[in-house]
Amino acid sequence: MKIGIANDHASVEMKNELVEYLQSQGHVVINFGTDSSESTDYPIWGEKVSNAVVSGEVERGIAICGTGVGIGITCNKVKGIRCCICSEPYSARYSRLHNDANVIAFGSRVIGIETAKMLVDEFINSEFEGGRHARRVGLMMDVEARNM
């Protein structure tokens, strides 16, 4: 799978470990984040990875900042993005199964690398179930269309 990853200055180390982890599984990972620990603004990076998902450049996105909240909110501002901000595997899995989430966000100051790997595994390896959930995702997208 082709995966985009983005991060701010607080999350460089976690991003680098996740890139290595995903590549070891055979995924192609495109870095849309910073590689510097110098202070930067997470909205820049969240928008970049989200645009790559919407354009089809990557299939899914991973967004990381200190808490995951700021970058995740930013991702959800991009039309067509359904970003799940989470810190445990159950939500990561069901964000895909039921909500067809296309970006996952979490915080490098909130979770450790092993939890991040679990979240990414659930997010990458789960597929949208469709069915009654497709109707609900359609309703979500209707809300987006009315409010953009």
N, C-alpha and C. Protein backbone atom coordinates (compact mmCIF):
# COMPACT_ATOMS: atom_id res chain seq x y z
N MET A 1 0.84 -1.17 0.00
CA MET A 1 0.00 0.00 0.00
C MET A 1 0.89 1.24 0.00
N LYS A 2 0.41 2.29 -0.64
CA LYS A 2 1.12 3.56 -0.65
C LYS A 2 0.51 4.45 0.43
N ILE A 3 1.34 4.83 1.40
CA ILE A 3 0.88 5.53 2.59
C ILE A 3 1.61 6.86 2.71
N GLY A 4 0.86 7.92 3.00
CA GLY A 4 1.46 9.22 3.29
C GLY A 4 1.58 9.39 4.78
N ILE A 5 2.63 10.04 5.23
CA ILE A 5 2.81 10.29 6.65
C ILE A 5 3.26 11.75 6.84
N ALA A 6 2.70 12.38 7.84
CA ALA A 6 3.03 13.78 8.12
C ALA A 6 3.20 13.98 9.61
N ASN A 7 4.01 14.96 9.97
CA ASN A 7 4.30 15.21 11.38
C ASN A 7 4.81 16.62 11.57
N ASP A 8 4.72 17.06 12.81
CA ASP A 8 5.34 18.33 13.20
C ASP A 8 6.66 18.03 13.91
N HIS A 9 7.25 19.07 14.49
CA HIS A 9 8.56 18.94 15.15
C HIS A 9 8.55 18.00 16.35
N ALA A 10 7.40 17.87 17.01
CA ALA A 10 7.31 17.02 18.20
C ALA A 10 7.34 15.54 17.87
N SER A 11 7.18 15.21 16.60
CA SER A 11 6.93 13.82 16.24
C SER A 11 7.88 13.25 15.20
N VAL A 12 9.02 13.88 15.01
CA VAL A 12 9.99 13.42 14.01
C VAL A 12 10.47 12.00 14.32
N GLU A 13 10.84 11.75 15.55
CA GLU A 13 11.37 10.43 15.91
C GLU A 13 10.33 9.33 15.69
N MET A 14 9.09 9.57 16.13
CA MET A 14 8.04 8.57 15.95
C MET A 14 7.77 8.35 14.47
N LYS A 15 7.72 9.44 13.70
CA LYS A 15 7.50 9.31 12.25
C LYS A 15 8.58 8.44 11.63
N ASN A 16 9.83 8.70 11.96
CA ASN A 16 10.93 7.93 11.37
C ASN A 16 10.84 6.46 11.72
N GLU A 17 10.48 6.14 12.96
CA GLU A 17 10.33 4.74 13.36
C GLU A 17 9.17 4.08 12.62
N LEU A 18 8.07 4.81 12.43
CA LEU A 18 6.92 4.25 11.72
C LEU A 18 7.21 4.06 10.24
N VAL A 19 7.94 4.99 9.64
CA VAL A 19 8.33 4.82 8.23
C VAL A 19 9.12 3.53 8.07
N GLU A 20 10.10 3.33 8.92
CA GLU A 20 10.92 2.11 8.86
C GLU A 20 10.06 0.86 9.07
N TYR A 21 9.16 0.91 10.04
CA TYR A 21 8.27 -0.21 10.34
C TYR A 21 7.38 -0.53 9.13
N LEU A 22 6.77 0.47 8.55
CA LEU A 22 5.88 0.25 7.40
C LEU A 22 6.64 -0.24 6.18
N GLN A 23 7.82 0.30 5.94
CA GLN A 23 8.62 -0.15 4.81
C GLN A 23 9.06 -1.60 4.99
N SER A 24 9.31 -2.01 6.23
CA SER A 24 9.70 -3.40 6.49
C SER A 24 8.56 -4.37 6.17
N GLN A 25 7.34 -3.85 6.12
CA GLN A 25 6.18 -4.66 5.77
C GLN A 25 5.86 -4.59 4.28
N GLY A 26 6.67 -3.86 3.54
CA GLY A 26 6.50 -3.78 2.09
C GLY A 26 5.68 -2.60 1.61
N HIS A 27 5.30 -1.70 2.49
CA HIS A 27 4.54 -0.52 2.09
C HIS A 27 5.48 0.55 1.52
N VAL A 28 4.95 1.34 0.62
CA VAL A 28 5.64 2.51 0.11
C VAL A 28 5.16 3.68 0.96
N VAL A 29 6.09 4.42 1.55
CA VAL A 29 5.72 5.52 2.45
C VAL A 29 6.29 6.81 1.90
N ILE A 30 5.41 7.80 1.76
CA ILE A 30 5.82 9.12 1.30
C ILE A 30 5.75 10.08 2.49
N ASN A 31 6.84 10.78 2.72
CA ASN A 31 6.97 11.69 3.85
C ASN A 31 6.47 13.08 3.46
N PHE A 32 5.42 13.53 4.13
CA PHE A 32 4.90 14.88 3.93
C PHE A 32 5.17 15.76 5.14
N GLY A 33 5.93 15.26 6.10
CA GLY A 33 6.18 15.98 7.34
C GLY A 33 7.56 16.61 7.38
N THR A 34 7.82 17.24 8.51
CA THR A 34 9.13 17.84 8.72
C THR A 34 10.12 16.79 9.21
N ASP A 35 11.38 17.02 8.92
CA ASP A 35 12.45 16.16 9.43
C ASP A 35 13.30 16.90 10.45
N SER A 36 12.81 18.06 10.88
CA SER A 36 13.55 18.91 11.80
C SER A 36 12.83 19.00 13.15
N SER A 37 13.60 19.11 14.22
CA SER A 37 13.00 19.31 15.54
C SER A 37 12.76 20.79 15.82
N GLU A 38 13.06 21.63 14.85
CA GLU A 38 12.79 23.06 14.99
C GLU A 38 11.28 23.30 14.92
N SER A 39 10.77 24.13 15.80
CA SER A 39 9.34 24.37 15.92
C SER A 39 8.70 24.71 14.57
N THR A 40 7.58 24.05 14.30
CA THR A 40 6.84 24.26 13.06
C THR A 40 5.35 24.11 13.36
N ASP A 41 4.53 24.45 12.41
CA ASP A 41 3.08 24.46 12.61
C ASP A 41 2.43 23.22 12.00
N TYR A 42 1.78 22.42 12.84
CA TYR A 42 1.17 21.16 12.39
C TYR A 42 0.13 21.33 11.29
N PRO A 43 -0.61 22.45 11.18
CA PRO A 43 -1.58 22.54 10.08
C PRO A 43 -0.94 22.42 8.69
N ILE A 44 0.27 22.89 8.55
CA ILE A 44 0.98 22.79 7.25
C ILE A 44 1.08 21.33 6.83
N TRP A 45 1.47 20.49 7.77
CA TRP A 45 1.76 19.08 7.46
C TRP A 45 0.47 18.27 7.34
N GLY A 46 -0.53 18.58 8.17
CA GLY A 46 -1.81 17.89 8.07
C GLY A 46 -2.48 18.13 6.73
N GLU A 47 -2.39 19.36 6.26
CA GLU A 47 -2.99 19.67 4.95
C GLU A 47 -2.26 18.95 3.83
N LYS A 48 -0.95 18.88 3.92
CA LYS A 48 -0.17 18.21 2.85
C LYS A 48 -0.55 16.74 2.71
N VAL A 49 -0.57 16.01 3.82
CA VAL A 49 -0.89 14.58 3.72
C VAL A 49 -2.34 14.39 3.30
N SER A 50 -3.24 15.25 3.78
CA SER A 50 -4.65 15.13 3.41
C SER A 50 -4.87 15.38 1.93
N ASN A 51 -4.20 16.38 1.38
CA ASN A 51 -4.31 16.63 -0.06
C ASN A 51 -3.80 15.45 -0.87
N ALA A 52 -2.76 14.80 -0.38
CA ALA A 52 -2.22 13.62 -1.08
C ALA A 52 -3.22 12.47 -1.07
N VAL A 53 -3.96 12.32 0.04
CA VAL A 53 -4.99 11.28 0.11
C VAL A 53 -6.14 11.60 -0.85
N VAL A 54 -6.62 12.82 -0.80
CA VAL A 54 -7.75 13.22 -1.64
C VAL A 54 -7.40 13.11 -3.13
N SER A 55 -6.18 13.48 -3.50
CA SER A 55 -5.77 13.44 -4.91
C SER A 55 -5.51 12.02 -5.40
N GLY A 56 -5.37 11.07 -4.47
CA GLY A 56 -5.06 9.70 -4.85
C GLY A 56 -3.57 9.40 -4.95
N GLU A 57 -2.75 10.38 -4.60
CA GLU A 57 -1.30 10.15 -4.61
C GLU A 57 -0.92 9.04 -3.63
N VAL A 58 -1.64 8.97 -2.51
CA VAL A 58 -1.47 7.90 -1.54
C VAL A 58 -2.85 7.34 -1.21
N GLU A 59 -2.88 6.09 -0.73
CA GLU A 59 -4.15 5.45 -0.41
C GLU A 59 -4.68 5.86 0.96
N ARG A 60 -3.77 6.01 1.93
CA ARG A 60 -4.15 6.39 3.28
C ARG A 60 -3.10 7.31 3.86
N GLY A 61 -3.51 8.03 4.91
CA GLY A 61 -2.59 8.96 5.54
C GLY A 61 -2.46 8.73 7.03
N ILE A 62 -1.29 9.07 7.54
CA ILE A 62 -0.99 9.04 8.97
C ILE A 62 -0.52 10.44 9.33
N ALA A 63 -1.11 11.01 10.39
CA ALA A 63 -0.77 12.37 10.81
C ALA A 63 -0.41 12.35 12.30
N ILE A 64 0.74 12.93 12.64
CA ILE A 64 1.22 12.87 14.02
C ILE A 64 1.66 14.27 14.47
N CYS A 65 1.16 14.68 15.62
CA CYS A 65 1.68 15.87 16.30
C CYS A 65 1.80 15.51 17.78
N GLY A 66 1.97 16.47 18.63
CA GLY A 66 2.16 16.17 20.05
C GLY A 66 1.01 15.39 20.65
N THR A 67 -0.22 15.84 20.40
CA THR A 67 -1.40 15.16 20.93
C THR A 67 -2.18 14.41 19.86
N GLY A 68 -1.98 14.75 18.61
CA GLY A 68 -2.77 14.20 17.51
C GLY A 68 -4.01 15.02 17.23
N VAL A 69 -4.39 15.86 18.16
CA VAL A 69 -5.64 16.61 18.03
C VAL A 69 -5.53 17.71 16.98
N GLY A 70 -4.54 18.57 17.10
CA GLY A 70 -4.43 19.69 16.16
C GLY A 70 -4.26 19.25 14.73
N ILE A 71 -3.38 18.30 14.49
CA ILE A 71 -3.14 17.85 13.13
C ILE A 71 -4.37 17.09 12.60
N GLY A 72 -5.05 16.35 13.50
CA GLY A 72 -6.25 15.63 13.09
C GLY A 72 -7.39 16.57 12.72
N ILE A 73 -7.58 17.61 13.51
CA ILE A 73 -8.62 18.61 13.18
C ILE A 73 -8.29 19.24 11.84
N THR A 74 -7.03 19.57 11.63
CA THR A 74 -6.62 20.15 10.36
C THR A 74 -6.95 19.21 9.20
N CYS A 75 -6.61 17.94 9.34
CA CYS A 75 -6.90 16.97 8.28
C CYS A 75 -8.39 16.97 7.95
N ASN A 76 -9.23 17.02 8.97
CA ASN A 76 -10.67 16.98 8.74
C ASN A 76 -11.22 18.24 8.09
N LYS A 77 -10.42 19.28 7.97
CA LYS A 77 -10.83 20.50 7.27
C LYS A 77 -10.69 20.35 5.76
N VAL A 78 -9.97 19.34 5.30
CA VAL A 78 -9.77 19.11 3.87
C VAL A 78 -10.94 18.29 3.34
N LYS A 79 -11.61 18.82 2.34
CA LYS A 79 -12.78 18.16 1.77
C LYS A 79 -12.42 16.75 1.30
N GLY A 80 -13.20 15.78 1.76
CA GLY A 80 -12.98 14.39 1.38
C GLY A 80 -12.22 13.57 2.41
N ILE A 81 -11.74 14.23 3.44
CA ILE A 81 -10.98 13.51 4.48
C ILE A 81 -11.90 13.11 5.62
N ARG A 82 -11.70 11.88 6.06
CA ARG A 82 -12.35 11.37 7.28
C ARG A 82 -11.21 10.89 8.16
N CYS A 83 -10.77 11.75 9.06
CA CYS A 83 -9.63 11.47 9.92
C CYS A 83 -10.09 11.07 11.30
N CYS A 84 -9.57 9.96 11.77
CA CYS A 84 -9.84 9.48 13.12
C CYS A 84 -8.67 9.85 14.02
N ILE A 85 -8.96 10.58 15.08
CA ILE A 85 -7.95 10.91 16.08
C ILE A 85 -8.12 9.87 17.19
N CYS A 86 -7.11 9.04 17.40
CA CYS A 86 -7.29 7.98 18.39
C CYS A 86 -5.99 7.63 19.10
N SER A 87 -6.15 6.88 20.18
CA SER A 87 -4.99 6.48 20.97
C SER A 87 -5.05 5.02 21.39
N GLU A 88 -6.01 4.27 20.81
CA GLU A 88 -6.10 2.84 21.10
C GLU A 88 -6.57 2.09 19.85
N PRO A 89 -6.21 0.83 19.72
CA PRO A 89 -6.43 0.06 18.50
C PRO A 89 -7.89 -0.16 18.10
N TYR A 90 -8.79 -0.26 19.06
CA TYR A 90 -10.20 -0.53 18.73
C TYR A 90 -10.75 0.58 17.84
N SER A 91 -10.52 1.83 18.21
CA SER A 91 -11.03 2.95 17.41
C SER A 91 -10.34 3.01 16.05
N ALA A 92 -9.06 2.69 16.01
CA ALA A 92 -8.35 2.68 14.74
C ALA A 92 -8.97 1.67 13.78
N ARG A 93 -9.27 0.49 14.30
CA ARG A 93 -9.88 -0.56 13.47
C ARG A 93 -11.27 -0.16 12.99
N TYR A 94 -12.10 0.30 13.92
CA TYR A 94 -13.48 0.61 13.55
C TYR A 94 -13.62 1.91 12.77
N SER A 95 -12.61 2.76 12.83
CA SER A 95 -12.63 3.94 11.97
C SER A 95 -12.60 3.52 10.50
N ARG A 96 -11.94 2.41 10.23
CA ARG A 96 -11.89 1.87 8.87
C ARG A 96 -13.14 1.04 8.57
N LEU A 97 -13.47 0.10 9.45
CA LEU A 97 -14.59 -0.81 9.20
C LEU A 97 -15.91 -0.08 9.00
N HIS A 98 -16.18 0.90 9.85
CA HIS A 98 -17.50 1.55 9.86
C HIS A 98 -17.51 2.94 9.26
N ASN A 99 -16.39 3.66 9.31
CA ASN A 99 -16.38 5.06 8.87
C ASN A 99 -15.56 5.30 7.62
N ASP A 100 -14.91 4.28 7.11
CA ASP A 100 -14.06 4.41 5.94
C ASP A 100 -13.07 5.56 6.09
N ALA A 101 -12.50 5.69 7.31
CA ALA A 101 -11.50 6.74 7.56
C ALA A 101 -10.34 6.57 6.59
N ASN A 102 -9.84 7.69 6.10
CA ASN A 102 -8.72 7.62 5.17
C ASN A 102 -7.44 8.25 5.74
N VAL A 103 -7.54 8.83 6.93
CA VAL A 103 -6.38 9.34 7.66
C VAL A 103 -6.55 8.98 9.12
N ILE A 104 -5.45 8.63 9.76
CA ILE A 104 -5.45 8.41 11.21
C ILE A 104 -4.48 9.41 11.83
N ALA A 105 -4.87 9.95 12.98
CA ALA A 105 -4.01 10.90 13.69
C ALA A 105 -3.83 10.45 15.13
N PHE A 106 -2.64 10.67 15.66
CA PHE A 106 -2.36 10.37 17.06
C PHE A 106 -1.20 11.22 17.53
N GLY A 107 -0.99 11.19 18.84
CA GLY A 107 0.00 12.07 19.45
C GLY A 107 1.24 11.35 19.93
N SER A 108 2.39 11.84 19.53
CA SER A 108 3.65 11.25 19.97
C SER A 108 3.94 11.52 21.44
N ARG A 109 3.25 12.50 22.02
CA ARG A 109 3.39 12.78 23.45
C ARG A 109 2.32 12.07 24.28
N VAL A 110 1.44 11.34 23.59
CA VAL A 110 0.32 10.67 24.25
C VAL A 110 0.53 9.16 24.27
N ILE A 111 1.04 8.62 23.18
CA ILE A 111 1.24 7.17 23.08
C ILE A 111 2.71 6.87 22.75
N GLY A 112 3.11 5.66 23.02
CA GLY A 112 4.46 5.21 22.68
C GLY A 112 4.49 4.58 21.30
N ILE A 113 5.67 4.25 20.86
CA ILE A 113 5.86 3.71 19.52
C ILE A 113 5.16 2.37 19.33
N GLU A 114 5.13 1.51 20.33
CA GLU A 114 4.49 0.20 20.16
C GLU A 114 2.97 0.36 19.99
N THR A 115 2.37 1.28 20.72
CA THR A 115 0.95 1.56 20.53
C THR A 115 0.72 2.18 19.16
N ALA A 116 1.60 3.07 18.74
CA ALA A 116 1.48 3.66 17.41
C ALA A 116 1.50 2.58 16.33
N LYS A 117 2.38 1.61 16.49
CA LYS A 117 2.44 0.50 15.52
C LYS A 117 1.13 -0.28 15.50
N MET A 118 0.56 -0.52 16.69
CA MET A 118 -0.73 -1.23 16.75
C MET A 118 -1.82 -0.43 16.04
N LEU A 119 -1.86 0.88 16.27
CA LEU A 119 -2.87 1.72 15.62
C LEU A 119 -2.72 1.66 14.10
N VAL A 120 -1.49 1.81 13.65
CA VAL A 120 -1.22 1.79 12.21
C VAL A 120 -1.59 0.43 11.62
N ASP A 121 -1.24 -0.65 12.30
CA ASP A 121 -1.59 -1.99 11.81
C ASP A 121 -3.10 -2.14 11.64
N GLU A 122 -3.86 -1.74 12.64
CA GLU A 122 -5.32 -1.84 12.55
C GLU A 122 -5.85 -0.98 11.43
N PHE A 123 -5.34 0.23 11.31
CA PHE A 123 -5.80 1.17 10.29
C PHE A 123 -5.46 0.70 8.88
N ILE A 124 -4.28 0.19 8.70
CA ILE A 124 -3.82 -0.24 7.37
C ILE A 124 -4.45 -1.57 6.95
N ASN A 125 -4.64 -2.48 7.90
CA ASN A 125 -5.08 -3.83 7.58
C ASN A 125 -6.59 -4.05 7.66
N SER A 126 -7.34 -3.03 8.00
CA SER A 126 -8.80 -3.15 8.07
C SER A 126 -9.41 -2.51 6.83
N GLU A 127 -10.44 -3.16 6.33
CA GLU A 127 -11.12 -2.66 5.14
C GLU A 127 -12.55 -2.24 5.48
N PHE A 128 -13.03 -1.23 4.80
CA PHE A 128 -14.38 -0.73 4.98
C PHE A 128 -15.39 -1.83 4.70
N GLU A 129 -16.36 -2.00 5.62
CA GLU A 129 -17.36 -3.06 5.49
C GLU A 129 -18.47 -2.71 4.50
N GLY A 130 -18.69 -1.44 4.22
CA GLY A 130 -19.77 -1.06 3.32
C GLY A 130 -21.13 -1.32 3.96
N GLY A 131 -22.10 -1.78 3.17
CA GLY A 131 -23.43 -2.08 3.69
C GLY A 131 -24.06 -0.87 4.36
N ARG A 132 -24.64 -1.09 5.53
CA ARG A 132 -25.31 0.01 6.24
C ARG A 132 -24.35 1.15 6.56
N HIS A 133 -23.07 0.82 6.65
CA HIS A 133 -22.07 1.85 6.97
C HIS A 133 -21.84 2.77 5.77
N ALA A 134 -22.01 2.27 4.56
CA ALA A 134 -21.86 3.10 3.36
C ALA A 134 -22.90 4.22 3.36
N ARG A 135 -24.11 3.90 3.78
CA ARG A 135 -25.16 4.92 3.86
C ARG A 135 -24.76 6.00 4.85
N ARG A 136 -24.22 5.59 5.97
CA ARG A 136 -23.83 6.54 7.02
C ARG A 136 -22.65 7.41 6.57
N VAL A 137 -21.69 6.79 5.90
CA VAL A 137 -20.57 7.58 5.37
C VAL A 137 -21.09 8.57 4.34
N GLY A 138 -22.03 8.13 3.53
CA GLY A 138 -22.65 9.04 2.57
C GLY A 138 -23.33 10.22 3.25
N LEU A 139 -24.00 9.94 4.37
CA LEU A 139 -24.63 11.03 5.12
C LEU A 139 -23.58 12.00 5.69
N MET A 140 -22.46 11.45 6.16
CA MET A 140 -21.37 12.32 6.64
C MET A 140 -20.88 13.22 5.51
N MET A 141 -20.72 12.64 4.35
CA MET A 141 -20.20 13.42 3.23
C MET A 141 -21.23 14.46 2.76
N ASP A 142 -22.51 14.15 2.92
CA ASP A 142 -23.56 15.14 2.63
C ASP A 142 -23.43 16.34 3.56
N VAL A 143 -23.17 16.08 4.83
CA VAL A 143 -22.96 17.17 5.79
C VAL A 143 -21.78 18.03 5.35
N GLU A 144 -20.70 17.38 4.93
CA GLU A 144 -19.53 18.12 4.46
C GLU A 144 -19.89 18.98 3.27
N ALA A 145 -20.62 18.41 2.30
CA ALA A 145 -20.96 19.15 1.10
C ALA A 145 -21.83 20.38 1.40
N ARG A 146 -22.71 20.25 2.38
CA ARG A 146 -23.59 21.38 2.73
C ARG A 146 -22.86 22.47 3.48
N ASN A 147 -21.72 22.14 4.06
CA ASN A 147 -21.05 23.09 4.95
C ASN A 147 -19.67 23.53 4.48
N MET A 148 -19.31 23.27 3.28
CA MET A 148 -17.99 23.69 2.77
C MET A 148 -18.14 24.91 1.91
